Amino acid sequence: MTSATSTPRQGGLLRPALTLFAALSLVTGLAYPFLTTGIASAVFPHRAAGSLIEQDGKVIGSEWIGQSFTSPQYFWGRPSATAPMPYNAAASGGSNLGPRNPALAEAIEARIAALKAADPDNAAPVPVDLITASGSGLDPHISPAAAAYQAGRVARARNLPRGEVDALIRANTAAPWLGVLGDPAVNVLTLNLALDKLRVAR
């Protein structure tokens, strides 16, 4: 028979458990987020605030969330599978369609047809990032090859020399981090804003 003195009292275990829970909640739920947010705001204020882009005092987007462009005068970004609208940050995600899914093949064929219709004389291969959505559906970047594929169409639509458009692409191409991590990428929003500024300058 077990004596009463050998059995721990529940109250003796509950108090340290609640104390530990409260302490960890304060550290991980309040202190750590406030500390990291404060450090980020002090060291990287632009990024900590969402890398927002302003024009004439108004926020028009973020460097890290894509936007839908359909006019031939602008560069187009990657397709977005978010609903009910493309690049919906509240519904980030991909289509989840497998590579053998007929719906994916149909979507890709439709995207290729739209690109060809916008630039019928362009015989270059269509870069894959112009016809496939990213996993997040929010990708703001395209590859330099995808930008170059569209450069002729944009130059003609804006009556600009092709060389000027190519120069804007290079100016808005980010190199791999530390020169080795990732691939070169072109931010579509900043590139299109640079195009509009060039038009105003003229």
N, C-alpha and C. Protein backbone atom coordinates (compact mmCIF):
# COMPACT_ATOMS: atom_id res chain seq x y z
N MET A 1 0.85 -1.20 0.00
CA MET A 1 0.00 0.00 0.00
C MET A 1 0.88 1.24 0.00
N THR A 2 0.60 2.19 -0.92
CA THR A 2 1.41 3.41 -1.03
C THR A 2 0.96 4.43 -0.01
N SER A 3 1.89 5.00 0.70
CA SER A 3 1.54 5.99 1.71
C SER A 3 1.21 7.31 1.05
N ALA A 4 0.42 8.13 1.76
CA ALA A 4 0.01 9.42 1.22
C ALA A 4 1.18 10.37 1.07
N THR A 5 2.23 10.21 1.87
CA THR A 5 3.37 11.12 1.81
C THR A 5 4.23 10.91 0.59
N SER A 6 4.12 9.73 -0.10
CA SER A 6 4.95 9.46 -1.27
C SER A 6 4.32 9.93 -2.57
N THR A 7 3.05 10.39 -2.52
CA THR A 7 2.36 10.86 -3.73
C THR A 7 2.41 12.38 -3.80
N PRO A 8 2.99 12.98 -4.86
CA PRO A 8 3.07 14.44 -4.97
C PRO A 8 1.69 15.05 -5.03
N ARG A 9 1.53 16.14 -4.40
CA ARG A 9 0.25 16.84 -4.44
C ARG A 9 0.10 17.56 -5.79
N GLN A 10 -1.11 17.55 -6.32
CA GLN A 10 -1.34 18.21 -7.61
C GLN A 10 -1.06 19.70 -7.54
N GLY A 11 -1.39 20.33 -6.43
CA GLY A 11 -1.13 21.75 -6.28
C GLY A 11 0.34 22.07 -6.34
N GLY A 12 1.18 21.14 -5.85
CA GLY A 12 2.62 21.38 -5.88
C GLY A 12 3.19 21.34 -7.28
N LEU A 13 2.53 20.63 -8.21
CA LEU A 13 2.99 20.57 -9.60
C LEU A 13 2.38 21.67 -10.46
N LEU A 14 1.15 22.06 -10.11
CA LEU A 14 0.44 23.02 -10.93
C LEU A 14 1.08 24.40 -10.87
N ARG A 15 1.52 24.81 -9.71
CA ARG A 15 2.07 26.16 -9.57
C ARG A 15 3.33 26.38 -10.39
N PRO A 16 4.35 25.49 -10.31
CA PRO A 16 5.53 25.71 -11.16
C PRO A 16 5.23 25.57 -12.65
N ALA A 17 4.24 24.71 -13.00
CA ALA A 17 3.88 24.56 -14.41
C ALA A 17 3.27 25.86 -14.95
N LEU A 18 2.38 26.46 -14.18
CA LEU A 18 1.77 27.72 -14.60
C LEU A 18 2.79 28.86 -14.63
N THR A 19 3.70 28.84 -13.67
CA THR A 19 4.75 29.87 -13.65
C THR A 19 5.64 29.76 -14.89
N LEU A 20 6.03 28.54 -15.23
CA LEU A 20 6.86 28.32 -16.42
C LEU A 20 6.11 28.71 -17.69
N PHE A 21 4.82 28.37 -17.75
CA PHE A 21 4.01 28.73 -18.91
C PHE A 21 3.93 30.24 -19.08
N ALA A 22 3.69 30.94 -17.97
CA ALA A 22 3.59 32.40 -18.03
C ALA A 22 4.92 33.03 -18.44
N ALA A 23 6.02 32.49 -17.90
CA ALA A 23 7.34 33.05 -18.23
C ALA A 23 7.67 32.84 -19.70
N LEU A 24 7.43 31.64 -20.22
CA LEU A 24 7.71 31.37 -21.62
C LEU A 24 6.80 32.19 -22.54
N SER A 25 5.55 32.39 -22.13
CA SER A 25 4.63 33.21 -22.93
C SER A 25 5.12 34.64 -23.04
N LEU A 26 5.63 35.17 -21.91
CA LEU A 26 6.15 36.53 -21.93
C LEU A 26 7.40 36.64 -22.80
N VAL A 27 8.28 35.64 -22.69
CA VAL A 27 9.54 35.69 -23.44
C VAL A 27 9.30 35.49 -24.94
N THR A 28 8.59 34.41 -25.28
CA THR A 28 8.43 34.07 -26.71
C THR A 28 7.27 34.81 -27.37
N GLY A 29 6.26 35.22 -26.57
CA GLY A 29 5.10 35.87 -27.16
C GLY A 29 5.15 37.38 -27.17
N LEU A 30 5.96 37.96 -26.28
CA LEU A 30 6.04 39.42 -26.20
C LEU A 30 7.46 39.95 -26.36
N ALA A 31 8.34 39.50 -25.48
CA ALA A 31 9.69 40.07 -25.48
C ALA A 31 10.42 39.80 -26.79
N TYR A 32 10.43 38.55 -27.25
CA TYR A 32 11.18 38.21 -28.47
C TYR A 32 10.61 38.92 -29.70
N PRO A 33 9.27 38.91 -29.95
CA PRO A 33 8.76 39.64 -31.11
C PRO A 33 9.06 41.13 -31.07
N PHE A 34 8.91 41.75 -29.87
CA PHE A 34 9.19 43.18 -29.77
C PHE A 34 10.67 43.46 -30.02
N LEU A 35 11.53 42.59 -29.52
CA LEU A 35 12.98 42.78 -29.70
C LEU A 35 13.37 42.66 -31.17
N THR A 36 12.92 41.58 -31.82
CA THR A 36 13.29 41.38 -33.22
C THR A 36 12.68 42.47 -34.12
N THR A 37 11.43 42.88 -33.83
CA THR A 37 10.81 43.95 -34.61
C THR A 37 11.56 45.26 -34.43
N GLY A 38 11.98 45.54 -33.20
CA GLY A 38 12.73 46.77 -32.94
C GLY A 38 14.07 46.79 -33.64
N ILE A 39 14.77 45.66 -33.59
CA ILE A 39 16.07 45.58 -34.27
C ILE A 39 15.89 45.72 -35.78
N ALA A 40 14.88 45.03 -36.33
CA ALA A 40 14.65 45.11 -37.78
C ALA A 40 14.29 46.53 -38.20
N SER A 41 13.47 47.21 -37.40
CA SER A 41 13.07 48.57 -37.74
C SER A 41 14.24 49.54 -37.68
N ALA A 42 15.19 49.26 -36.78
CA ALA A 42 16.34 50.14 -36.65
C ALA A 42 17.39 49.87 -37.73
N VAL A 43 17.59 48.60 -38.06
CA VAL A 43 18.65 48.23 -39.00
C VAL A 43 18.16 48.23 -40.44
N PHE A 44 16.94 47.72 -40.67
CA PHE A 44 16.37 47.63 -42.01
C PHE A 44 14.98 48.27 -42.03
N PRO A 45 14.88 49.58 -41.84
CA PRO A 45 13.56 50.21 -41.71
C PRO A 45 12.65 50.02 -42.93
N HIS A 46 13.22 50.08 -44.14
CA HIS A 46 12.40 49.94 -45.34
C HIS A 46 11.81 48.54 -45.45
N ARG A 47 12.65 47.54 -45.22
CA ARG A 47 12.17 46.16 -45.32
C ARG A 47 11.22 45.81 -44.18
N ALA A 48 11.52 46.30 -42.98
CA ALA A 48 10.65 46.00 -41.84
C ALA A 48 9.26 46.59 -42.02
N ALA A 49 9.16 47.66 -42.79
CA ALA A 49 7.87 48.31 -43.03
C ALA A 49 7.14 47.70 -44.23
N GLY A 50 7.68 46.62 -44.80
CA GLY A 50 7.01 45.95 -45.91
C GLY A 50 7.58 46.26 -47.27
N SER A 51 8.72 46.97 -47.33
CA SER A 51 9.33 47.34 -48.61
C SER A 51 8.32 48.03 -49.52
N LEU A 52 7.58 48.97 -48.94
CA LEU A 52 6.52 49.65 -49.68
C LEU A 52 7.11 50.64 -50.69
N ILE A 53 6.43 50.77 -51.82
CA ILE A 53 6.82 51.70 -52.88
C ILE A 53 5.80 52.82 -52.92
N GLU A 54 6.27 54.06 -52.83
CA GLU A 54 5.39 55.22 -52.86
C GLU A 54 5.60 56.03 -54.13
N GLN A 55 4.52 56.65 -54.57
CA GLN A 55 4.58 57.54 -55.73
C GLN A 55 3.62 58.70 -55.47
N ASP A 56 4.15 59.90 -55.53
CA ASP A 56 3.36 61.10 -55.24
C ASP A 56 2.70 61.02 -53.87
N GLY A 57 3.43 60.47 -52.90
CA GLY A 57 2.93 60.39 -51.53
C GLY A 57 1.94 59.27 -51.26
N LYS A 58 1.68 58.42 -52.25
CA LYS A 58 0.74 57.31 -52.08
C LYS A 58 1.46 55.98 -52.23
N VAL A 59 1.11 55.03 -51.39
CA VAL A 59 1.66 53.68 -51.50
C VAL A 59 0.99 52.99 -52.68
N ILE A 60 1.80 52.52 -53.62
CA ILE A 60 1.25 51.88 -54.81
C ILE A 60 1.59 50.40 -54.89
N GLY A 61 2.35 49.91 -53.91
CA GLY A 61 2.67 48.49 -53.92
C GLY A 61 3.84 48.18 -53.02
N SER A 62 4.29 46.94 -53.10
CA SER A 62 5.43 46.48 -52.33
C SER A 62 6.42 45.80 -53.28
N GLU A 63 7.68 45.89 -52.92
CA GLU A 63 8.70 45.23 -53.74
C GLU A 63 8.57 43.71 -53.70
N TRP A 64 7.81 43.17 -52.74
CA TRP A 64 7.77 41.73 -52.53
C TRP A 64 6.43 41.10 -52.87
N ILE A 65 5.50 41.89 -53.41
CA ILE A 65 4.21 41.33 -53.83
C ILE A 65 3.96 41.78 -55.26
N GLY A 66 3.75 40.82 -56.15
CA GLY A 66 3.54 41.14 -57.55
C GLY A 66 2.22 41.84 -57.81
N GLN A 67 2.09 42.42 -58.98
CA GLN A 67 0.86 43.06 -59.42
C GLN A 67 0.54 42.60 -60.83
N SER A 68 -0.73 42.68 -61.18
CA SER A 68 -1.17 42.23 -62.50
C SER A 68 -1.06 43.36 -63.51
N PHE A 69 -0.30 43.11 -64.58
CA PHE A 69 -0.18 44.04 -65.70
C PHE A 69 -0.63 43.32 -66.97
N THR A 70 -1.52 43.94 -67.72
CA THR A 70 -2.03 43.30 -68.94
C THR A 70 -1.83 44.16 -70.18
N SER A 71 -1.51 45.44 -70.02
CA SER A 71 -1.31 46.31 -71.17
C SER A 71 -0.01 45.93 -71.89
N PRO A 72 0.00 45.99 -73.23
CA PRO A 72 1.23 45.68 -73.97
C PRO A 72 2.36 46.67 -73.69
N GLN A 73 2.05 47.82 -73.10
CA GLN A 73 3.07 48.82 -72.80
C GLN A 73 3.86 48.48 -71.53
N TYR A 74 3.44 47.45 -70.83
CA TYR A 74 4.10 47.07 -69.58
C TYR A 74 4.64 45.65 -69.68
N PHE A 75 5.64 45.39 -68.85
CA PHE A 75 6.12 44.02 -68.70
C PHE A 75 5.12 43.26 -67.84
N TRP A 76 4.91 42.00 -68.18
CA TRP A 76 3.97 41.15 -67.44
C TRP A 76 4.76 40.25 -66.49
N GLY A 77 4.17 40.02 -65.33
CA GLY A 77 4.82 39.17 -64.34
C GLY A 77 4.42 37.71 -64.51
N ARG A 78 4.80 36.92 -63.52
CA ARG A 78 4.43 35.51 -63.54
C ARG A 78 2.93 35.35 -63.35
N PRO A 79 2.34 34.31 -63.92
CA PRO A 79 0.93 34.06 -63.64
C PRO A 79 0.73 33.82 -62.14
N SER A 80 -0.45 34.14 -61.66
CA SER A 80 -0.78 33.95 -60.25
C SER A 80 -2.02 33.08 -60.14
N ALA A 81 -1.97 32.09 -59.24
CA ALA A 81 -3.10 31.18 -59.07
C ALA A 81 -3.97 31.57 -57.89
N THR A 82 -3.73 32.75 -57.30
CA THR A 82 -4.54 33.15 -56.16
C THR A 82 -5.94 33.57 -56.61
N ALA A 83 -6.89 33.44 -55.72
CA ALA A 83 -8.28 33.78 -56.03
C ALA A 83 -8.81 34.73 -54.94
N PRO A 84 -9.80 35.54 -55.24
CA PRO A 84 -10.51 35.65 -56.53
C PRO A 84 -9.81 36.52 -57.55
N MET A 85 -8.65 37.08 -57.19
CA MET A 85 -7.92 37.93 -58.12
C MET A 85 -6.45 37.53 -58.08
N PRO A 86 -5.70 37.81 -59.14
CA PRO A 86 -4.27 37.48 -59.12
C PRO A 86 -3.51 38.31 -58.09
N TYR A 87 -2.49 37.72 -57.52
CA TYR A 87 -1.62 38.38 -56.53
C TYR A 87 -2.40 38.82 -55.28
N ASN A 88 -3.38 38.01 -54.90
CA ASN A 88 -4.15 38.29 -53.70
C ASN A 88 -3.36 37.82 -52.48
N ALA A 89 -2.81 38.78 -51.73
CA ALA A 89 -1.95 38.43 -50.61
C ALA A 89 -2.69 37.72 -49.49
N ALA A 90 -4.01 37.84 -49.45
CA ALA A 90 -4.80 37.18 -48.42
C ALA A 90 -5.07 35.72 -48.76
N ALA A 91 -4.72 35.31 -49.97
CA ALA A 91 -4.98 33.93 -50.39
C ALA A 91 -3.75 33.35 -51.07
N SER A 92 -2.58 33.59 -50.49
CA SER A 92 -1.33 33.12 -51.09
C SER A 92 -1.34 31.61 -51.25
N GLY A 93 -0.90 31.15 -52.42
CA GLY A 93 -0.83 29.72 -52.67
C GLY A 93 -0.75 29.43 -54.16
N GLY A 94 -0.42 28.19 -54.49
CA GLY A 94 -0.34 27.77 -55.88
C GLY A 94 -1.61 27.06 -56.31
N SER A 95 -1.60 26.55 -57.53
CA SER A 95 -2.78 25.87 -58.05
C SER A 95 -2.88 24.44 -57.54
N ASN A 96 -1.75 23.88 -57.10
CA ASN A 96 -1.69 22.48 -56.64
C ASN A 96 -2.02 21.49 -57.75
N LEU A 97 -1.90 21.92 -58.99
CA LEU A 97 -2.13 21.01 -60.12
C LEU A 97 -0.84 20.26 -60.43
N GLY A 98 -0.92 18.94 -60.54
CA GLY A 98 0.24 18.13 -60.85
C GLY A 98 0.67 18.30 -62.29
N PRO A 99 1.90 17.89 -62.64
CA PRO A 99 2.41 18.08 -64.01
C PRO A 99 1.63 17.32 -65.07
N ARG A 100 0.88 16.28 -64.68
CA ARG A 100 0.10 15.52 -65.65
C ARG A 100 -1.37 15.92 -65.65
N ASN A 101 -1.71 16.94 -64.91
CA ASN A 101 -3.10 17.37 -64.85
C ASN A 101 -3.48 18.10 -66.13
N PRO A 102 -4.53 17.66 -66.83
CA PRO A 102 -4.92 18.33 -68.08
C PRO A 102 -5.23 19.82 -67.90
N ALA A 103 -5.75 20.19 -66.73
CA ALA A 103 -6.08 21.59 -66.49
C ALA A 103 -4.83 22.46 -66.50
N LEU A 104 -3.71 21.92 -65.99
CA LEU A 104 -2.45 22.66 -66.01
C LEU A 104 -1.97 22.84 -67.44
N ALA A 105 -2.04 21.79 -68.23
CA ALA A 105 -1.62 21.87 -69.63
C ALA A 105 -2.46 22.89 -70.39
N GLU A 106 -3.76 22.91 -70.14
CA GLU A 106 -4.63 23.86 -70.81
C GLU A 106 -4.30 25.30 -70.41
N ALA A 107 -4.01 25.48 -69.11
CA ALA A 107 -3.67 26.83 -68.64
C ALA A 107 -2.38 27.32 -69.27
N ILE A 108 -1.39 26.44 -69.38
CA ILE A 108 -0.11 26.81 -69.97
C ILE A 108 -0.29 27.14 -71.46
N GLU A 109 -1.07 26.33 -72.15
CA GLU A 109 -1.31 26.60 -73.57
C GLU A 109 -2.01 27.94 -73.77
N ALA A 110 -2.95 28.27 -72.89
CA ALA A 110 -3.65 29.55 -72.99
C ALA A 110 -2.69 30.72 -72.73
N ARG A 111 -1.77 30.55 -71.80
CA ARG A 111 -0.81 31.61 -71.50
C ARG A 111 0.16 31.81 -72.66
N ILE A 112 0.60 30.71 -73.27
CA ILE A 112 1.47 30.82 -74.44
C ILE A 112 0.75 31.53 -75.58
N ALA A 113 -0.51 31.18 -75.78
CA ALA A 113 -1.30 31.80 -76.86
C ALA A 113 -1.45 33.30 -76.62
N ALA A 114 -1.65 33.70 -75.36
CA ALA A 114 -1.79 35.13 -75.05
C ALA A 114 -0.50 35.88 -75.31
N LEU A 115 0.64 35.28 -74.97
CA LEU A 115 1.93 35.91 -75.22
C LEU A 115 2.20 36.03 -76.72
N LYS A 116 1.87 34.97 -77.46
CA LYS A 116 2.08 35.00 -78.91
C LYS A 116 1.16 36.02 -79.58
N ALA A 117 -0.07 36.12 -79.08
CA ALA A 117 -1.00 37.08 -79.68
C ALA A 117 -0.56 38.52 -79.44
N ALA A 118 0.08 38.76 -78.29
CA ALA A 118 0.55 40.11 -77.98
C ALA A 118 1.79 40.49 -78.76
N ASP A 119 2.53 39.47 -79.26
CA ASP A 119 3.78 39.74 -79.99
C ASP A 119 3.94 38.65 -81.06
N PRO A 120 3.14 38.70 -82.13
CA PRO A 120 3.11 37.61 -83.11
C PRO A 120 4.45 37.35 -83.80
N ASP A 121 5.28 38.36 -83.96
CA ASP A 121 6.53 38.18 -84.69
C ASP A 121 7.67 37.65 -83.82
N ASN A 122 7.41 37.47 -82.55
CA ASN A 122 8.44 36.99 -81.63
C ASN A 122 8.53 35.47 -81.74
N ALA A 123 9.64 34.99 -82.30
CA ALA A 123 9.82 33.54 -82.49
C ALA A 123 10.69 32.92 -81.40
N ALA A 124 11.07 33.69 -80.40
CA ALA A 124 11.92 33.16 -79.33
C ALA A 124 11.13 32.19 -78.46
N PRO A 125 11.81 31.22 -77.85
CA PRO A 125 11.11 30.31 -76.92
C PRO A 125 10.54 31.09 -75.74
N VAL A 126 9.35 30.71 -75.30
CA VAL A 126 8.71 31.39 -74.18
C VAL A 126 9.35 30.91 -72.87
N PRO A 127 9.91 31.82 -72.08
CA PRO A 127 10.51 31.41 -70.80
C PRO A 127 9.46 30.78 -69.89
N VAL A 128 9.87 29.77 -69.15
CA VAL A 128 8.91 28.99 -68.36
C VAL A 128 8.25 29.81 -67.26
N ASP A 129 8.94 30.83 -66.74
CA ASP A 129 8.32 31.60 -65.65
C ASP A 129 7.22 32.52 -66.13
N LEU A 130 7.05 32.69 -67.43
CA LEU A 130 5.93 33.48 -67.94
C LEU A 130 4.67 32.66 -68.13
N ILE A 131 4.77 31.34 -67.99
CA ILE A 131 3.60 30.49 -68.22
C ILE A 131 3.29 29.59 -67.03
N THR A 132 4.08 29.66 -65.97
CA THR A 132 3.81 28.86 -64.77
C THR A 132 3.75 29.76 -63.55
N ALA A 133 2.78 29.50 -62.68
CA ALA A 133 2.63 30.29 -61.47
C ALA A 133 3.63 29.84 -60.41
N SER A 134 3.99 30.77 -59.54
CA SER A 134 4.88 30.44 -58.43
C SER A 134 4.09 29.75 -57.32
N GLY A 135 4.79 29.16 -56.36
CA GLY A 135 4.12 28.47 -55.27
C GLY A 135 3.31 29.40 -54.40
N SER A 136 3.74 30.65 -54.27
CA SER A 136 3.02 31.60 -53.42
C SER A 136 1.93 32.34 -54.19
N GLY A 137 2.08 32.45 -55.51
CA GLY A 137 1.16 33.24 -56.29
C GLY A 137 1.40 34.73 -56.17
N LEU A 138 2.46 35.12 -55.45
CA LEU A 138 2.73 36.54 -55.19
C LEU A 138 4.07 36.99 -55.74
N ASP A 139 4.77 36.13 -56.45
CA ASP A 139 6.14 36.42 -56.88
C ASP A 139 6.21 37.71 -57.68
N PRO A 140 7.00 38.70 -57.21
CA PRO A 140 7.08 39.99 -57.92
C PRO A 140 8.15 40.00 -59.01
N HIS A 141 8.90 38.90 -59.15
CA HIS A 141 10.05 38.90 -60.06
C HIS A 141 9.83 37.98 -61.26
N ILE A 142 10.53 38.29 -62.32
CA ILE A 142 10.67 37.39 -63.45
C ILE A 142 12.16 37.27 -63.76
N SER A 143 12.51 36.30 -64.55
CA SER A 143 13.91 36.11 -64.93
C SER A 143 14.31 37.16 -65.97
N PRO A 144 15.60 37.45 -66.09
CA PRO A 144 16.04 38.35 -67.17
C PRO A 144 15.61 37.86 -68.55
N ALA A 145 15.57 36.53 -68.73
CA ALA A 145 15.13 35.98 -70.01
C ALA A 145 13.67 36.32 -70.28
N ALA A 146 12.83 36.28 -69.23
CA ALA A 146 11.41 36.60 -69.38
C ALA A 146 11.23 38.08 -69.70
N ALA A 147 12.07 38.92 -69.11
CA ALA A 147 12.00 40.36 -69.41
C ALA A 147 12.47 40.62 -70.84
N ALA A 148 13.56 39.97 -71.25
CA ALA A 148 14.07 40.15 -72.61
C ALA A 148 13.06 39.69 -73.65
N TYR A 149 12.32 38.62 -73.33
CA TYR A 149 11.30 38.11 -74.26
C TYR A 149 10.25 39.18 -74.54
N GLN A 150 9.95 40.01 -73.56
CA GLN A 150 8.89 41.02 -73.70
C GLN A 150 9.40 42.38 -74.16
N ALA A 151 10.72 42.55 -74.18
CA ALA A 151 11.30 43.87 -74.44
C ALA A 151 10.89 44.44 -75.79
N GLY A 152 10.85 43.62 -76.81
CA GLY A 152 10.48 44.10 -78.14
C GLY A 152 9.06 44.63 -78.17
N ARG A 153 8.14 43.89 -77.57
CA ARG A 153 6.74 44.32 -77.53
C ARG A 153 6.58 45.65 -76.80
N VAL A 154 7.24 45.77 -75.64
CA VAL A 154 7.14 47.00 -74.84
C VAL A 154 7.76 48.18 -75.60
N ALA A 155 8.91 47.95 -76.25
CA ALA A 155 9.57 49.02 -76.98
C ALA A 155 8.69 49.53 -78.12
N ARG A 156 8.05 48.64 -78.84
CA ARG A 156 7.17 49.06 -79.94
C ARG A 156 5.93 49.78 -79.42
N ALA A 157 5.34 49.26 -78.33
CA ALA A 157 4.13 49.87 -77.79
C ALA A 157 4.39 51.28 -77.27
N ARG A 158 5.60 51.52 -76.81
CA ARG A 158 5.94 52.84 -76.26
C ARG A 158 6.75 53.69 -77.23
N ASN A 159 7.01 53.14 -78.41
CA ASN A 159 7.81 53.86 -79.41
C ASN A 159 9.16 54.26 -78.83
N LEU A 160 9.81 53.30 -78.19
CA LEU A 160 11.12 53.51 -77.59
C LEU A 160 12.17 52.68 -78.32
N PRO A 161 13.42 53.14 -78.36
CA PRO A 161 14.48 52.29 -78.89
C PRO A 161 14.65 51.04 -78.03
N ARG A 162 14.88 49.93 -78.66
CA ARG A 162 15.03 48.68 -77.91
C ARG A 162 16.17 48.78 -76.90
N GLY A 163 17.23 49.50 -77.27
CA GLY A 163 18.38 49.63 -76.38
C GLY A 163 18.01 50.29 -75.05
N GLU A 164 17.11 51.27 -75.09
CA GLU A 164 16.69 51.94 -73.85
C GLU A 164 15.93 50.98 -72.94
N VAL A 165 15.09 50.17 -73.55
CA VAL A 165 14.32 49.21 -72.77
C VAL A 165 15.26 48.15 -72.17
N ASP A 166 16.22 47.69 -72.94
CA ASP A 166 17.18 46.71 -72.42
C ASP A 166 17.99 47.30 -71.26
N ALA A 167 18.31 48.59 -71.37
CA ALA A 167 19.07 49.24 -70.30
C ALA A 167 18.25 49.30 -69.01
N LEU A 168 16.94 49.54 -69.12
CA LEU A 168 16.07 49.56 -67.95
C LEU A 168 15.98 48.17 -67.32
N ILE A 169 15.96 47.15 -68.15
CA ILE A 169 15.93 45.78 -67.62
C ILE A 169 17.19 45.51 -66.81
N ARG A 170 18.32 45.88 -67.35
CA ARG A 170 19.58 45.66 -66.61
C ARG A 170 19.60 46.45 -65.31
N ALA A 171 19.08 47.67 -65.33
CA ALA A 171 19.10 48.51 -64.13
C ALA A 171 18.19 47.96 -63.04
N ASN A 172 17.18 47.19 -63.43
CA ASN A 172 16.23 46.66 -62.46
C ASN A 172 16.40 45.16 -62.23
N THR A 173 17.57 44.65 -62.60
CA THR A 173 17.89 43.24 -62.36
C THR A 173 18.74 43.11 -61.11
N ALA A 174 18.28 42.33 -60.16
CA ALA A 174 19.01 42.09 -58.92
C ALA A 174 19.92 40.88 -59.10
N ALA A 175 21.15 41.02 -58.70
CA ALA A 175 22.12 39.91 -58.79
C ALA A 175 21.86 38.91 -57.68
N PRO A 176 22.36 37.68 -57.81
CA PRO A 176 22.24 36.71 -56.72
C PRO A 176 22.83 37.25 -55.42
N TRP A 177 22.24 36.87 -54.31
CA TRP A 177 22.72 37.34 -53.01
C TRP A 177 24.14 36.85 -52.77
N LEU A 178 25.02 37.75 -52.41
CA LEU A 178 26.44 37.46 -52.22
C LEU A 178 27.09 36.92 -53.49
N GLY A 179 26.41 37.12 -54.61
CA GLY A 179 26.97 36.70 -55.89
C GLY A 179 26.79 35.24 -56.22
N VAL A 180 26.27 34.43 -55.28
CA VAL A 180 26.19 32.99 -55.52
C VAL A 180 24.84 32.38 -55.16
N LEU A 181 24.08 33.02 -54.28
CA LEU A 181 22.83 32.41 -53.80
C LEU A 181 21.65 32.94 -54.61
N GLY A 182 20.92 32.03 -55.26
CA GLY A 182 19.78 32.42 -56.07
C GLY A 182 20.16 32.74 -57.50
N ASP A 183 19.21 33.25 -58.23
CA ASP A 183 19.40 33.60 -59.64
C ASP A 183 19.11 35.09 -59.84
N PRO A 184 19.65 35.68 -60.90
CA PRO A 184 19.29 37.08 -61.20
C PRO A 184 17.78 37.19 -61.40
N ALA A 185 17.21 38.29 -60.93
CA ALA A 185 15.75 38.46 -61.01
C ALA A 185 15.41 39.90 -61.30
N VAL A 186 14.34 40.11 -62.05
CA VAL A 186 13.88 41.45 -62.42
C VAL A 186 12.57 41.73 -61.69
N ASN A 187 12.53 42.84 -60.94
CA ASN A 187 11.30 43.22 -60.26
C ASN A 187 10.38 43.90 -61.26
N VAL A 188 9.24 43.30 -61.51
CA VAL A 188 8.34 43.78 -62.57
C VAL A 188 7.77 45.16 -62.24
N LEU A 189 7.38 45.37 -60.98
CA LEU A 189 6.78 46.65 -60.62
C LEU A 189 7.77 47.80 -60.76
N THR A 190 8.97 47.63 -60.23
CA THR A 190 9.95 48.72 -60.32
C THR A 190 10.37 48.96 -61.77
N LEU A 191 10.41 47.90 -62.57
CA LEU A 191 10.74 48.06 -63.99
C LEU A 191 9.66 48.86 -64.71
N ASN A 192 8.40 48.55 -64.45
CA ASN A 192 7.32 49.29 -65.09
C ASN A 192 7.24 50.74 -64.62
N LEU A 193 7.56 50.96 -63.36
CA LEU A 193 7.60 52.34 -62.87
C LEU A 193 8.73 53.12 -63.54
N ALA A 194 9.85 52.45 -63.77
CA ALA A 194 10.96 53.09 -64.48
C ALA A 194 10.56 53.43 -65.92
N LEU A 195 9.76 52.58 -66.53
CA LEU A 195 9.26 52.87 -67.88
C LEU A 195 8.38 54.12 -67.88
N ASP A 196 7.50 54.22 -66.90
CA ASP A 196 6.62 55.39 -66.83
C ASP A 196 7.41 56.67 -66.59
N LYS A 197 8.45 56.59 -65.76
CA LYS A 197 9.28 57.77 -65.50
C LYS A 197 10.01 58.18 -66.77
N LEU A 198 10.43 57.21 -67.55
CA LEU A 198 11.11 57.53 -68.80
C LEU A 198 10.18 58.25 -69.75
N ARG A 199 8.91 57.85 -69.77
CA ARG A 199 7.94 58.52 -70.63
C ARG A 199 7.69 59.94 -70.19
N VAL A 200 7.62 60.15 -68.85
CA VAL A 200 7.41 61.50 -68.33
C VAL A 200 8.60 62.38 -68.64
N ALA A 201 9.81 61.81 -68.53
CA ALA A 201 11.03 62.56 -68.78
C ALA A 201 11.09 63.05 -70.23
N ARG A 202 10.51 62.29 -71.13
CA ARG A 202 10.51 62.69 -72.51
C ARG A 202 9.49 63.78 -72.78
